[in-house]
C-alpha atoms as a PDB file:
ATOM      1  CA  UNK A   1     -29.040  -0.316  13.843  1.00  0.00           C
ATOM      2  CA  UNK A   2     -26.601   2.540  13.187  1.00  0.00           C
ATOM      3  CA  UNK A   3     -23.987   0.847  15.368  1.00  0.00           C
ATOM      4  CA  UNK A   4     -24.147  -2.333  13.308  1.00  0.00           C
ATOM      5  CA  UNK A   5     -23.853  -0.292  10.093  1.00  0.00           C
ATOM      6  CA  UNK A   6     -20.879   1.616  11.509  1.00  0.00           C
ATOM      7  CA  UNK A   7     -19.164  -1.601  12.594  1.00  0.00           C
ATOM      8  CA  UNK A   8     -19.684  -3.049   9.101  1.00  0.00           C
ATOM      9  CA  UNK A   9     -18.066   0.052   7.574  1.00  0.00           C
ATOM     10  CA  UNK A  10     -15.092  -0.063   9.944  1.00  0.00           C
ATOM     11  CA  UNK A  11     -14.420  -3.771   9.458  1.00  0.00           C
ATOM     12  CA  UNK A  12     -14.893  -3.836   5.676  1.00  0.00           C
ATOM     13  CA  UNK A  13     -11.883  -4.650   3.473  1.00  0.00           C
ATOM     14  CA  UNK A  14     -11.429  -0.912   2.860  1.00  0.00           C
ATOM     15  CA  UNK A  15     -12.460   0.204   6.376  1.00  0.00           C
ATOM     16  CA  UNK A  16     -10.297   2.063   8.890  1.00  0.00           C
ATOM     17  CA  UNK A  17      -9.701  -1.013  11.038  1.00  0.00           C
ATOM     18  CA  UNK A  18      -7.746  -2.658   8.207  1.00  0.00           C
ATOM     19  CA  UNK A  19      -5.212   0.194   8.295  1.00  0.00           C
ATOM     20  CA  UNK A  20      -1.985  -1.170   9.750  1.00  0.00           C
ATOM     21  CA  UNK A  21       0.318   1.771   9.086  1.00  0.00           C
ATOM     22  CA  UNK A  22       0.165   5.303   7.781  1.00  0.00           C
ATOM     23  CA  UNK A  23       3.101   6.739   5.884  1.00  0.00           C
ATOM     24  CA  UNK A  24       3.016   9.976   3.919  1.00  0.00           C
ATOM     25  CA  UNK A  25       4.813   9.635   0.597  1.00  0.00           C
ATOM     26  CA  UNK A  26       7.240  12.293  -0.513  1.00  0.00           C
ATOM     27  CA  UNK A  27       7.267  13.356  -4.171  1.00  0.00           C
ATOM     28  CA  UNK A  28       9.219  10.949  -6.349  1.00  0.00           C
ATOM     29  CA  UNK A  29      10.228   7.396  -5.525  1.00  0.00           C
ATOM     30  CA  UNK A  30       9.626   5.832  -2.104  1.00  0.00           C
ATOM     31  CA  UNK A  31      11.222   2.398  -1.732  1.00  0.00           C
ATOM     32  CA  UNK A  32       9.586  -0.386   0.274  1.00  0.00           C
ATOM     33  CA  UNK A  33      10.711  -3.750   1.644  1.00  0.00           C
ATOM     34  CA  UNK A  34      12.167  -5.261   4.811  1.00  0.00           C
ATOM     35  CA  UNK A  35      15.626  -3.684   4.481  1.00  0.00           C
ATOM     36  CA  UNK A  36      16.034  -0.835   6.977  1.00  0.00           C
ATOM     37  CA  UNK A  37      17.397   1.364   4.167  1.00  0.00           C
ATOM     38  CA  UNK A  38      13.934   1.487   2.533  1.00  0.00           C
ATOM     39  CA  UNK A  39      11.685   4.509   2.934  1.00  0.00           C
ATOM     40  CA  UNK A  40       8.836   2.209   4.043  1.00  0.00           C
ATOM     41  CA  UNK A  41      10.090  -0.744   6.085  1.00  0.00           C
ATOM     42  CA  UNK A  42       7.835  -3.821   6.024  1.00  0.00           C
ATOM     43  CA  UNK A  43       7.722  -6.373   8.868  1.00  0.00           C
ATOM     44  CA  UNK A  44       8.224  -9.319   6.484  1.00  0.00           C
ATOM     45  CA  UNK A  45       8.846 -10.046   2.823  1.00  0.00           C
ATOM     46  CA  UNK A  46      11.707  -9.333   0.445  1.00  0.00           C
ATOM     47  CA  UNK A  47      14.480  -6.895   1.349  1.00  0.00           C
ATOM     48  CA  UNK A  48      13.557  -4.758  -1.651  1.00  0.00           C
ATOM     49  CA  UNK A  49       9.919  -5.181  -2.724  1.00  0.00           C
ATOM     50  CA  UNK A  50       9.635  -2.185  -5.045  1.00  0.00           C
ATOM     51  CA  UNK A  51       8.819   1.501  -5.260  1.00  0.00           C
ATOM     52  CA  UNK A  52       5.809   3.723  -4.700  1.00  0.00           C
ATOM     53  CA  UNK A  53       6.109   6.809  -6.862  1.00  0.00           C
ATOM     54  CA  UNK A  54       4.178   9.986  -6.049  1.00  0.00           C
ATOM     55  CA  UNK A  55       3.883  12.376  -8.965  1.00  0.00           C
ATOM     56  CA  UNK A  56       1.354  15.157  -9.360  1.00  0.00           C
ATOM     57  CA  UNK A  57      -0.932  13.759  -6.622  1.00  0.00           C
ATOM     58  CA  UNK A  58      -1.013  10.298  -8.202  1.00  0.00           C
ATOM     59  CA  UNK A  59       0.631   7.174  -6.807  1.00  0.00           C
ATOM     60  CA  UNK A  60       2.109   4.356  -8.867  1.00  0.00           C
ATOM     61  CA  UNK A  61       3.563   1.088  -7.610  1.00  0.00           C
ATOM     62  CA  UNK A  62       6.419  -0.804  -9.243  1.00  0.00           C
ATOM     63  CA  UNK A  63       7.207  -4.157  -7.675  1.00  0.00           C
ATOM     64  CA  UNK A  64      10.278  -6.345  -7.979  1.00  0.00           C
ATOM     65  CA  UNK A  65       7.987  -9.402  -7.898  1.00  0.00           C
ATOM     66  CA  UNK A  66       4.321  -9.491  -8.960  1.00  0.00           C
ATOM     67  CA  UNK A  67       1.761  -8.046  -6.541  1.00  0.00           C
ATOM     68  CA  UNK A  68      -1.881  -9.111  -6.509  1.00  0.00           C
ATOM     69  CA  UNK A  69      -4.226  -6.338  -7.714  1.00  0.00           C
ATOM     70  CA  UNK A  70      -7.890  -7.250  -8.121  1.00  0.00           C
ATOM     71  CA  UNK A  71      -6.870 -10.902  -7.983  1.00  0.00           C
ATOM     72  CA  UNK A  72      -4.312 -10.620 -10.804  1.00  0.00           C
ATOM     73  CA  UNK A  73      -0.502 -10.511 -10.602  1.00  0.00           C
ATOM     74  CA  UNK A  74       0.972  -7.206 -11.787  1.00  0.00           C
ATOM     75  CA  UNK A  75       4.377  -5.518 -11.640  1.00  0.00           C
ATOM     76  CA  UNK A  76       3.100  -1.937 -12.063  1.00  0.00           C
ATOM     77  CA  UNK A  77      -0.183  -0.275 -11.145  1.00  0.00           C
ATOM     78  CA  UNK A  78      -1.704   3.117 -10.504  1.00  0.00           C
ATOM     79  CA  UNK A  79      -3.107   3.207  -6.974  1.00  0.00           C
ATOM     80  CA  UNK A  80      -6.372   4.851  -5.968  1.00  0.00           C
ATOM     81  CA  UNK A  81      -7.548   6.013  -2.526  1.00  0.00           C
END
């Protein structure tokens, strides 16, 4: 039974198996997109998708085009672990 519970945790939408990359943000703005000049380079999408900003242990996202957060399109959002 514990194995099935563990597998459910790992494969959940917020489980470890959904992690595709790990990048530590530096304080300030961290750009993301497909352009190699970005701090976080994505495998597909726009050349410049936006910015993750780390300030005082909080992360904010600003997108050049709306991102889906909780099923709604937004341009800015505070992110939570």
